Protein backbone atom coordinates (compact mmCIF):
# COMPACT_ATOMS: atom_id res chain seq x y z
CA UNK A 1 -74.12 -151.32 29.30
CA UNK A 2 -76.57 -151.96 32.14
CA UNK A 3 -74.06 -150.87 34.77
CA UNK A 4 -73.42 -147.61 32.83
CA UNK A 5 -77.14 -146.77 32.84
CA UNK A 6 -77.39 -147.48 36.55
CA UNK A 7 -74.53 -145.03 37.26
CA UNK A 8 -76.15 -142.32 35.09
CA UNK A 9 -79.46 -142.77 36.88
CA UNK A 10 -77.71 -141.93 40.14
CA UNK A 11 -75.85 -138.86 38.79
CA UNK A 12 -78.77 -137.15 37.00
CA UNK A 13 -80.88 -136.49 40.15
CA UNK A 14 -77.83 -135.01 41.91
CA UNK A 15 -77.16 -132.62 38.98
CA UNK A 16 -80.79 -131.53 38.88
CA UNK A 17 -80.83 -130.82 42.61
CA UNK A 18 -77.65 -128.73 42.26
CA UNK A 19 -79.14 -126.67 39.43
CA UNK A 20 -82.28 -126.00 41.46
CA UNK A 21 -80.22 -124.78 44.42
CA UNK A 22 -78.21 -122.40 42.20
CA UNK A 23 -81.40 -121.08 40.59
CA UNK A 24 -82.94 -120.44 44.01
CA UNK A 25 -79.90 -118.48 45.20
CA UNK A 26 -79.99 -116.33 42.03
CA UNK A 27 -83.70 -115.51 42.52
CA UNK A 28 -83.17 -114.49 46.16
CA UNK A 29 -80.23 -112.23 45.28
CA UNK A 30 -82.17 -110.58 42.44
CA UNK A 31 -85.11 -109.81 44.71
CA UNK A 32 -82.80 -108.28 47.33
CA UNK A 33 -81.11 -106.06 44.74
CA UNK A 34 -84.44 -104.85 43.36
CA UNK A 35 -85.78 -104.08 46.82
CA UNK A 36 -82.60 -102.10 47.58
CA UNK A 37 -83.05 -99.98 44.43
CA UNK A 38 -86.72 -99.23 45.06
CA UNK A 39 -87.26 -95.94 46.88
CA UNK A 40 -90.48 -94.20 47.85
CA UNK A 41 -90.10 -90.77 46.18
CA UNK A 42 -92.87 -89.31 48.34
CA UNK A 43 -91.83 -90.53 51.77
CA UNK A 44 -90.69 -88.00 54.35
CA UNK A 45 -87.06 -87.87 55.43
CA UNK A 46 -86.59 -89.93 58.58
CA UNK A 47 -84.93 -87.56 61.04
CA UNK A 48 -85.02 -90.07 63.88
CA UNK A 49 -81.41 -90.58 65.07
CA UNK A 50 -82.26 -94.21 65.51
CA UNK A 51 -82.54 -94.60 61.74
CA UNK A 52 -78.80 -93.99 61.37
CA UNK A 53 -76.36 -96.81 62.08
CA UNK A 54 -74.21 -96.52 65.18
CA UNK A 55 -71.26 -95.70 62.92
CA UNK A 56 -73.17 -92.81 61.31
CA UNK A 57 -71.58 -89.39 60.78
CA UNK A 58 -72.67 -86.02 59.40
CA UNK A 59 -71.07 -82.73 58.38
CA UNK A 60 -71.54 -79.58 56.29
CA UNK A 61 -69.54 -79.76 53.08
CA UNK A 62 -69.04 -78.63 49.49
CA UNK A 63 -69.26 -80.93 46.47
CA UNK A 64 -65.93 -81.05 44.60
CA UNK A 65 -66.42 -84.00 42.24
CA UNK A 66 -69.15 -86.41 41.13
CA UNK A 67 -68.45 -89.62 39.22
CA UNK A 68 -71.82 -91.16 38.47
CA UNK A 69 -70.27 -94.05 36.55
CA UNK A 70 -68.55 -95.09 39.80
CA UNK A 71 -71.41 -94.02 42.11
CA UNK A 72 -68.86 -91.88 43.97
CA UNK A 73 -68.88 -88.28 45.20
CA UNK A 74 -66.05 -86.21 46.71
CA UNK A 75 -67.07 -83.66 49.36
CA UNK A 76 -64.92 -81.16 51.28
CA UNK A 77 -65.68 -80.80 54.99
CA UNK A 78 -66.07 -77.07 55.73
CA UNK A 79 -64.68 -77.57 59.24
CA UNK A 80 -61.31 -78.42 57.75
CA UNK A 81 -61.31 -82.20 58.07
CA UNK A 82 -60.28 -82.60 54.44
CA UNK A 83 -62.07 -84.25 51.52
CA UNK A 84 -63.99 -87.51 51.80
CA UNK A 85 -65.13 -89.86 49.03
CA UNK A 86 -68.57 -91.38 49.64
CA UNK A 87 -70.52 -93.97 47.64
CA UNK A 88 -74.19 -93.75 46.70
CA UNK A 89 -76.81 -95.98 45.09
CA UNK A 90 -80.47 -95.90 44.13
CA UNK A 91 -81.48 -95.87 47.78
CA UNK A 92 -79.49 -92.77 48.76
CA UNK A 93 -81.76 -89.95 49.97
CA UNK A 94 -80.94 -86.89 47.80
CA UNK A 95 -82.91 -83.67 48.25
CA UNK A 96 -82.84 -80.02 47.23
CA UNK A 97 -82.88 -77.05 49.60
CA UNK A 98 -86.65 -77.31 50.06
CA UNK A 99 -86.76 -81.05 50.78
CA UNK A 100 -87.84 -82.17 47.31
CA UNK A 101 -86.34 -85.45 46.14
CA UNK A 102 -83.90 -85.03 43.23
CA UNK A 103 -81.33 -87.19 41.46
CA UNK A 104 -77.56 -87.02 41.78
CA UNK A 105 -77.36 -85.66 38.21
CA UNK A 106 -79.15 -82.53 39.45
CA UNK A 107 -76.40 -81.79 41.96
CA UNK A 108 -73.68 -79.36 40.83
CA UNK A 109 -70.06 -78.90 41.76
CA UNK A 110 -69.78 -76.17 44.36
CA UNK A 111 -73.09 -76.94 46.09
CA UNK A 112 -73.05 -76.49 49.87
CA UNK A 113 -74.68 -79.64 51.29
CA UNK A 114 -75.62 -81.37 54.53
CA UNK A 115 -74.14 -84.88 54.51
CA UNK A 116 -75.07 -88.03 56.46
CA UNK A 117 -73.06 -91.21 55.90
CA UNK A 118 -71.98 -94.54 57.38
CA UNK A 119 -68.40 -94.30 58.63
CA UNK A 120 -67.90 -98.04 58.52
CA UNK A 121 -68.13 -98.27 54.73
CA UNK A 122 -68.31 -94.61 53.53
CA UNK A 123 -71.83 -95.21 52.26
CA UNK A 124 -73.73 -91.98 51.61
CA UNK A 125 -77.06 -92.13 53.44
CA UNK A 126 -78.46 -88.64 52.82
CA UNK A 127 -77.40 -85.58 50.81
CA UNK A 128 -79.34 -82.30 50.90
CA UNK A 129 -78.55 -78.77 49.69
CA UNK A 130 -78.03 -76.82 52.90
CA UNK A 131 -80.86 -74.59 54.08
CA UNK A 132 -78.31 -72.43 55.91
CA UNK A 133 -76.43 -71.49 52.72
CA UNK A 134 -77.19 -68.32 50.75
CA UNK A 135 -76.57 -67.79 47.06
CA UNK A 136 -76.46 -64.96 44.52
CA UNK A 137 -77.27 -65.92 40.93
CA UNK A 138 -76.39 -64.16 37.65
CA UNK A 139 -73.63 -62.12 39.30
CA UNK A 140 -71.87 -59.91 36.72
CA UNK A 141 -71.08 -56.79 38.76
CA UNK A 142 -68.16 -58.04 40.83
CA UNK A 143 -64.49 -57.51 41.61
CA UNK A 144 -62.12 -59.96 43.28
CA UNK A 145 -59.04 -58.88 45.20
CA UNK A 146 -57.16 -62.11 45.75
CA UNK A 147 -54.40 -60.52 47.85
CA UNK A 148 -56.95 -59.48 50.49
CA UNK A 149 -59.23 -62.48 49.89
CA UNK A 150 -62.18 -60.16 49.41
CA UNK A 151 -64.91 -60.29 46.76
CA UNK A 152 -67.14 -57.29 46.14
CA UNK A 153 -70.61 -57.97 44.72
CA UNK A 154 -72.35 -54.72 43.80
CA UNK A 155 -71.84 -52.65 46.98
CA UNK A 156 -71.30 -55.55 49.42
CA UNK A 157 -67.98 -57.12 50.42
CA UNK A 158 -67.45 -60.76 51.41
CA UNK A 159 -64.41 -62.65 52.63
CA UNK A 160 -63.18 -66.04 51.44
CA UNK A 161 -60.34 -68.36 52.45
CA UNK A 162 -57.79 -70.52 50.66
CA UNK A 163 -60.23 -73.45 50.59
CA UNK A 164 -62.66 -71.59 48.30
CA UNK A 165 -64.15 -74.03 45.77
CA UNK A 166 -64.46 -72.66 42.21
CA UNK A 167 -66.33 -74.71 39.62
CA UNK A 168 -66.03 -74.11 35.90
CA UNK A 169 -67.35 -76.25 33.08
CA UNK A 170 -67.80 -79.61 34.91
CA UNK A 171 -64.43 -79.24 36.64
CA UNK A 172 -62.70 -77.18 39.31
CA UNK A 173 -60.70 -74.12 38.23
CA UNK A 174 -58.47 -71.52 39.91
CA UNK A 175 -59.40 -68.04 41.06
CA UNK A 176 -57.22 -66.42 38.39
CA UNK A 177 -59.26 -68.20 35.69
CA UNK A 178 -62.32 -66.06 36.48
CA UNK A 179 -62.73 -63.21 33.97
CA UNK A 180 -64.60 -59.96 34.53
CA UNK A 181 -66.87 -60.93 31.60
CA UNK A 182 -68.03 -64.15 33.33
CA UNK A 183 -71.43 -64.68 34.96
CA UNK A 184 -71.26 -66.32 38.40
CA UNK A 185 -73.34 -68.02 41.06
CA UNK A 186 -71.85 -67.27 44.48
CA UNK A 187 -72.65 -69.38 47.57
CA UNK A 188 -71.71 -68.88 51.19
CA UNK A 189 -72.44 -69.22 54.88
CA UNK A 190 -72.96 -66.09 56.99
CA UNK A 191 -70.52 -63.42 55.73
CA UNK A 192 -68.08 -65.83 54.08
CA UNK A 193 -68.04 -67.10 50.50
CA UNK A 194 -67.38 -70.83 50.17
CA UNK A 195 -67.98 -71.56 46.50
CA UNK A 196 -68.16 -69.81 43.13
CA UNK A 197 -69.79 -71.46 40.12
CA UNK A 198 -69.06 -70.01 36.66
CA UNK A 199 -72.49 -70.33 35.04
CA UNK A 200 -71.42 -68.47 31.89
CA UNK A 201 -67.75 -68.41 31.00
CA UNK A 202 -65.98 -66.42 28.31
CA UNK A 203 -64.73 -66.95 24.79
CA UNK A 204 -62.83 -64.89 22.24
CA UNK A 205 -63.74 -62.95 19.08
CA UNK A 206 -61.05 -62.36 16.46
CA UNK A 207 -61.82 -59.96 13.61
CA UNK A 208 -60.72 -60.65 10.05
CA UNK A 209 -60.85 -58.47 6.90
CA UNK A 210 -61.99 -55.40 8.79
CA UNK A 211 -59.43 -52.83 7.60
CA UNK A 212 -62.10 -50.39 6.41
CA UNK A 213 -63.49 -50.22 9.97
CA UNK A 214 -60.18 -49.28 11.65
CA UNK A 215 -60.54 -46.32 14.04
CA UNK A 216 -64.29 -46.94 14.09
CA UNK A 217 -66.21 -48.74 16.85
CA UNK A 218 -67.44 -52.27 17.54
CA UNK A 219 -70.47 -53.20 19.64
CA UNK A 220 -70.94 -56.75 20.96
CA UNK A 221 -74.46 -57.13 22.30
CA UNK A 222 -75.37 -54.29 24.63
CA UNK A 223 -72.45 -54.49 27.04
CA UNK A 224 -69.24 -54.22 24.99
CA UNK A 225 -68.37 -51.10 22.98
CA UNK A 226 -64.73 -50.71 21.93
CA UNK A 227 -62.66 -48.68 19.46
CA UNK A 228 -61.48 -50.78 16.52
CA UNK A 229 -57.71 -51.25 16.29
CA UNK A 230 -55.35 -53.56 14.43
CA UNK A 231 -54.84 -57.17 15.59
CA UNK A 232 -57.91 -57.07 17.81
CA UNK A 233 -58.98 -59.93 20.12
CA UNK A 234 -62.15 -59.40 22.16
CA UNK A 235 -63.08 -61.29 25.33
CA UNK A 236 -66.85 -61.80 25.61
CA UNK A 237 -69.23 -63.80 27.79
CA UNK A 238 -70.46 -67.00 26.16
CA UNK A 239 -73.78 -66.66 24.36
CA UNK A 240 -75.44 -65.36 21.18
CA UNK A 241 -74.70 -61.78 20.15
CA UNK A 242 -75.32 -59.28 17.43
CA UNK A 243 -71.95 -57.72 16.56
CA UNK A 244 -71.93 -54.35 14.79
CA UNK A 245 -68.89 -52.57 13.32
CA UNK A 246 -69.27 -48.95 12.29
CA UNK A 247 -67.12 -46.21 10.84
CA UNK A 248 -68.71 -43.16 9.27
CA UNK A 249 -71.27 -44.29 6.72
CA UNK A 250 -69.89 -47.84 6.66
CA UNK A 251 -71.76 -50.24 8.93
CA UNK A 252 -71.89 -54.03 9.13
CA UNK A 253 -73.64 -56.45 11.49
CA UNK A 254 -73.48 -60.21 12.05
CA UNK A 255 -74.80 -62.68 14.62
CA UNK A 256 -72.31 -64.96 16.38
CA UNK A 257 -72.28 -67.59 19.11
CA UNK A 258 -69.45 -67.24 21.62
CA UNK A 259 -68.48 -70.60 23.14
CA UNK A 260 -66.63 -70.97 26.44
CA UNK A 261 -62.83 -71.05 26.07
CA UNK A 262 -63.05 -71.07 22.26
CA UNK A 263 -62.07 -68.51 19.64
CA UNK A 264 -64.49 -67.50 16.90
CA UNK A 265 -63.42 -65.77 13.67
CA UNK A 266 -65.65 -62.87 12.56
CA UNK A 267 -65.03 -62.22 8.85
CA UNK A 268 -66.18 -58.77 7.69
CA UNK A 269 -64.93 -59.06 4.09
CA UNK A 270 -68.44 -58.56 2.69
CA UNK A 271 -68.52 -55.05 4.12
CA UNK A 272 -66.24 -52.75 2.15
CA UNK A 273 -66.03 -49.00 1.82
CA UNK A 274 -66.99 -47.82 -1.67
CA UNK A 275 -64.12 -46.21 -3.60
CA UNK A 276 -64.15 -42.48 -3.02
CA UNK A 277 -65.33 -40.57 -6.09
CA UNK A 278 -63.39 -37.51 -7.13
CA UNK A 279 -64.09 -34.71 -9.55
CA UNK A 280 -61.70 -32.38 -11.37
CA UNK A 281 -62.57 -28.71 -10.77
CA UNK A 282 -61.06 -25.94 -12.95
CA UNK A 283 -61.18 -22.62 -11.09
CA UNK A 284 -61.30 -19.41 -13.18
CA UNK A 285 -60.77 -16.61 -10.66
CA UNK A 286 -60.48 -12.86 -11.22
CA UNK A 287 -58.55 -10.78 -10.40
CA UNK A 288 -55.27 -12.54 -10.98
CA UNK A 289 -53.38 -13.29 -7.79
CA UNK A 290 -56.44 -13.90 -5.60
CA UNK A 291 -56.02 -16.58 -2.92
CA UNK A 292 -58.27 -19.66 -2.93
CA UNK A 293 -59.14 -21.54 0.25
CA UNK A 294 -60.93 -24.90 0.06
CA UNK A 295 -62.24 -26.27 3.36
CA UNK A 296 -59.99 -23.82 5.21
CA UNK A 297 -56.76 -24.74 3.39
CA UNK A 298 -54.98 -22.52 0.88
CA UNK A 299 -55.08 -24.27 -2.50
CA UNK A 300 -53.09 -23.76 -5.70
CA UNK A 301 -55.55 -23.54 -8.61
CA UNK A 302 -53.19 -23.03 -11.54
CA UNK A 303 -54.13 -26.57 -12.62
CA UNK A 304 -57.52 -28.29 -12.09
CA UNK A 305 -58.03 -29.37 -8.47
CA UNK A 306 -59.05 -32.94 -7.52
CA UNK A 307 -61.87 -32.87 -4.94
CA UNK A 308 -63.99 -35.59 -3.36
CA UNK A 309 -67.64 -35.70 -4.32
CA UNK A 310 -69.74 -33.66 -1.93
CA UNK A 311 -69.90 -30.17 -0.45
CA UNK A 312 -66.79 -28.03 0.06
CA UNK A 313 -66.41 -24.58 1.63
CA UNK A 314 -64.90 -22.09 -0.84
CA UNK A 315 -63.32 -18.76 0.13
CA UNK A 316 -61.54 -16.37 -2.27
CA UNK A 317 -59.85 -13.14 -1.16
CA UNK A 318 -57.47 -10.41 -2.27
CA UNK A 319 -56.58 -7.05 -0.83
CA UNK A 320 -58.74 -4.30 -2.30
CA UNK A 321 -61.54 -6.70 -3.19
CA UNK A 322 -64.51 -8.05 -1.34
CA UNK A 323 -64.05 -11.58 -0.03
CA UNK A 324 -66.17 -14.27 -1.63
CA UNK A 325 -67.45 -17.30 0.34
CA UNK A 326 -69.70 -20.09 -0.81
CA UNK A 327 -70.40 -23.82 -0.99
CA UNK A 328 -69.25 -25.87 -3.96
CA UNK A 329 -71.08 -29.14 -4.67
CA UNK A 330 -68.82 -31.54 -6.54
CA UNK A 331 -70.98 -34.12 -8.30
CA UNK A 332 -69.38 -34.47 -11.73
CA UNK A 333 -66.12 -35.91 -12.97
CA UNK A 334 -65.12 -32.47 -14.27
CA UNK A 335 -66.54 -29.00 -13.94
CA UNK A 336 -65.56 -25.33 -14.24
CA UNK A 337 -66.11 -22.72 -11.52
CA UNK A 338 -65.76 -19.02 -12.34
CA UNK A 339 -65.46 -16.47 -9.53
CA UNK A 340 -65.05 -12.72 -10.02
CA UNK A 341 -64.31 -10.60 -6.95
CA UNK A 342 -65.86 -7.13 -6.68
CA UNK A 343 -63.61 -4.16 -6.00
CA UNK A 344 -64.03 -2.35 -2.71
CA UNK A 345 -65.73 1.03 -3.50
CA UNK A 346 -64.35 4.09 -1.64
CA UNK A 347 -66.73 5.23 1.09
CA UNK A 348 -67.37 8.70 -0.46
CA UNK A 349 -68.67 7.14 -3.66
CA UNK A 350 -70.49 4.22 -2.10
CA UNK A 351 -73.93 5.83 -2.42
CA UNK A 352 -73.64 6.19 -6.18
CA UNK A 353 -72.39 2.70 -6.75
CA UNK A 354 -74.10 0.66 -4.07
CA UNK A 355 -75.99 -1.29 -6.66
CA UNK A 356 -72.70 -2.46 -8.17
CA UNK A 357 -71.19 -3.67 -4.91
CA UNK A 358 -71.48 -7.24 -6.00
CA UNK A 359 -70.31 -7.99 -9.49
CA UNK A 360 -69.59 -11.66 -9.30
CA UNK A 361 -70.84 -14.51 -11.29
CA UNK A 362 -70.14 -18.17 -11.17
CA UNK A 363 -71.25 -21.64 -12.18
CA UNK A 364 -72.01 -24.64 -9.91
CA UNK A 365 -71.68 -22.53 -6.78
CA UNK A 366 -74.24 -22.11 -3.99
CA UNK A 367 -74.18 -18.94 -1.98
CA UNK A 368 -74.26 -19.30 1.78
CA UNK A 369 -77.56 -18.32 3.41
CA UNK A 370 -75.83 -15.70 5.61
CA UNK A 371 -74.14 -13.91 2.68
CA UNK A 372 -70.44 -13.16 2.24
CA UNK A 373 -67.82 -11.60 4.50
CA UNK A 374 -66.70 -8.07 3.76
CA UNK A 375 -63.29 -8.52 5.46
CA UNK A 376 -60.19 -10.25 4.16
CA UNK A 377 -59.56 -13.37 6.25
CA UNK A 378 -56.56 -13.00 8.47
CA UNK A 379 -54.15 -15.87 8.45
CA UNK A 380 -55.22 -16.91 11.91
CA UNK A 381 -58.91 -16.70 10.94
CA UNK A 382 -58.81 -19.07 7.98
CA UNK A 383 -60.50 -21.80 9.97
CA UNK A 384 -63.36 -19.50 11.13
CA UNK A 385 -66.99 -20.02 10.14
CA UNK A 386 -68.24 -18.43 6.93
CA UNK A 387 -70.01 -15.62 8.83
CA UNK A 388 -66.69 -14.41 10.25
CA UNK A 389 -67.43 -15.45 13.83
CA UNK A 390 -64.73 -17.27 15.71
CA UNK A 391 -65.28 -21.00 15.84
CA UNK A 392 -65.61 -22.30 19.38
CA UNK A 393 -62.87 -24.65 20.41
CA UNK A 394 -64.28 -28.09 20.97
CA UNK A 395 -63.22 -29.93 24.10
CA UNK A 396 -60.57 -32.56 23.62
CA UNK A 397 -62.62 -35.76 23.53
CA UNK A 398 -59.47 -37.74 24.19
CA UNK A 399 -59.16 -36.23 27.66
CA UNK A 400 -62.36 -37.97 28.75
CA UNK A 401 -60.96 -41.34 27.77
CA UNK A 402 -57.42 -40.87 29.07
CA UNK A 403 -56.19 -43.87 30.97
CA UNK A 404 -54.13 -43.85 34.12
CA UNK A 405 -50.59 -44.53 32.92
CA UNK A 406 -47.40 -44.60 34.95
CA UNK A 407 -44.99 -43.58 32.19
CA UNK A 408 -41.97 -44.03 34.43
CA UNK A 409 -42.57 -47.76 34.91
CA UNK A 410 -43.45 -50.81 32.84
CA UNK A 411 -45.33 -54.09 32.89
CA UNK A 412 -43.09 -56.94 31.72
CA UNK A 413 -44.48 -60.33 30.66
CA UNK A 414 -41.93 -63.15 30.86
CA UNK A 415 -44.06 -66.27 30.31
CA UNK A 416 -45.48 -68.03 28.27
CA UNK A 417 -42.70 -67.43 25.75
CA UNK A 418 -43.78 -67.14 22.12
CA UNK A 419 -47.44 -66.30 22.78
CA UNK A 420 -49.20 -63.18 21.57
CA UNK A 421 -50.26 -61.00 24.50
CA UNK A 422 -53.36 -58.80 24.50
CA UNK A 423 -54.16 -56.18 27.15
CA UNK A 424 -57.91 -55.52 27.22
CA UNK A 425 -58.15 -56.85 23.65
CA UNK A 426 -55.24 -54.79 22.25
CA UNK A 427 -52.16 -56.62 20.96
CA UNK A 428 -49.04 -55.64 22.94
CA UNK A 429 -46.48 -57.97 21.38
CA UNK A 430 -44.94 -61.43 21.63
CA UNK A 431 -43.85 -62.75 25.03
CA UNK A 432 -41.36 -61.85 26.44
CA UNK A 433 -42.25 -58.17 26.10
CA UNK A 434 -42.91 -55.07 28.17
CA UNK A 435 -45.08 -51.98 27.85
CA UNK A 436 -46.01 -48.82 29.73
CA UNK A 437 -47.61 -49.48 33.09
CA UNK A 438 -51.37 -48.92 33.08
CA UNK A 439 -53.05 -48.70 36.49
CA UNK A 440 -56.29 -50.59 37.16
CA UNK A 441 -57.97 -53.95 36.56
CA UNK A 442 -57.17 -55.49 33.16
CA UNK A 443 -57.81 -58.62 31.13
CA UNK A 444 -54.59 -60.27 29.90
CA UNK A 445 -55.06 -62.74 27.03
CA UNK A 446 -52.48 -65.11 25.52
CA UNK A 447 -52.82 -66.70 22.08
CA UNK A 448 -50.51 -69.01 20.17
CA UNK A 449 -51.12 -71.29 17.20
CA UNK A 450 -51.63 -74.89 18.29
CA UNK A 451 -52.54 -73.92 21.86
CA UNK A 452 -55.75 -73.04 23.70
CA UNK A 453 -56.28 -69.29 24.10
CA UNK A 454 -56.19 -68.28 27.77
CA UNK A 455 -57.11 -65.07 29.60
CA UNK A 456 -56.52 -63.77 33.11
CA UNK A 457 -57.70 -60.80 35.15
CA UNK A 458 -54.97 -58.77 36.86
CA UNK A 459 -54.98 -55.69 39.06
CA UNK A 460 -52.13 -53.23 38.57
CA UNK A 461 -51.59 -50.93 41.53
CA UNK A 462 -50.09 -47.46 41.48
CA UNK A 463 -47.03 -48.36 43.51
CA UNK A 464 -44.32 -46.57 41.49
CA UNK A 465 -42.58 -49.83 40.58
CA UNK A 466 -42.04 -51.97 37.51
CA UNK A 467 -44.06 -55.20 37.40
CA UNK A 468 -42.84 -58.49 35.95
CA UNK A 469 -45.44 -61.19 35.26
CA UNK A 470 -44.93 -64.83 34.44
CA UNK A 471 -48.03 -66.84 33.52
CA UNK A 472 -48.49 -70.62 33.10
CA UNK A 473 -47.59 -72.24 29.80
CA UNK A 474 -50.49 -72.57 27.36
CA UNK A 475 -52.23 -75.92 26.94
CA UNK A 476 -51.79 -77.69 23.60
CA UNK A 477 -54.93 -78.23 21.54
């Protein structure tokens, strides 16, 4: 027992010394880590080349990916040296365009940045938004011609190359994914565009239970006004909107929130056209054989006539009698209208019978303010105004909205098979399908149950040829 205690007395001091050494190492390492993470937010950037390690490098680049959980950032070298992955920590110097210290979370994909790093270990030393880069924010008036690699913003044209960086919702996207409804931030150097950031993307509005509004109009916010057609799908910029549908006296409005790359259903079932009221009108007209015109159309009045509630233009004529014209207000379920035409008095006896020139009486009839016509309506004049003047031909409103069609050629869509295809919000069919070629810039949208709705912007040129399109398969939800 005594020998056992002697051995333990020798071991215990050794164990204690070992524990103290381990504790000391831990404290030193902790202090070093804390000092590395501390950074003076107010200190000026050290531009002295001597502050960089001998293995230091720098370049002008564009941010393509940021993974904060890995403290890693991927940057494309504008000079064409490819992409490089650099690593940052709490001591990395990160600044905005004006030299103000910011965090990595405030950096966006597509930013044009000046980069300083250590080549020996790919450690990011300094990252600053380039002072030499220009940017246009809230760009909505733009066109992109990918074949020529030219983007037009308002009245100015800019070139871009095949290394153009396009950032969508926290990820990179392709040029064809940009829709004319999107809002962009465009960045570049000199006359060349290097990055496009989609600040507001687009979503989709599908109408439901809107049959009573067909052939009317829909207004989404202040920028989208479209005629209402069957199977309608509308592409709109993400955001909150007041949507108004209108046809005649029927009008309905709702507020919606369009979310990027999502489809929202707008149900208009609470807005319905009231059933049209009709009244039965029994016409008693003398002399027998007189012709009755209602709203310009010859009408048989042997039996009571069904008319919609409201005002109707009435004209009654027969050879040898003065023509009668008036307004009939239908506001009862049944009513009787009596009209007696006056005979035309020979001219030689007109003085003695002028007071009897009008011998008509009626019920529920309003005489027109300008009186009645004294001539029988000719067949070609039945649509004239009540005063006998020829109605001016209104211009064809459709001519103003005619689109540029090439009726000799077609647009054929081959892929994605099975998807519904919409051209500028109008359903064209199920892929594969083809339709008359329409010249210009259009939005093509594909929709299929179980898949994400996708839209593209295409430009159809007037080249006197058929066009066949094949688009990528839709992504499953």
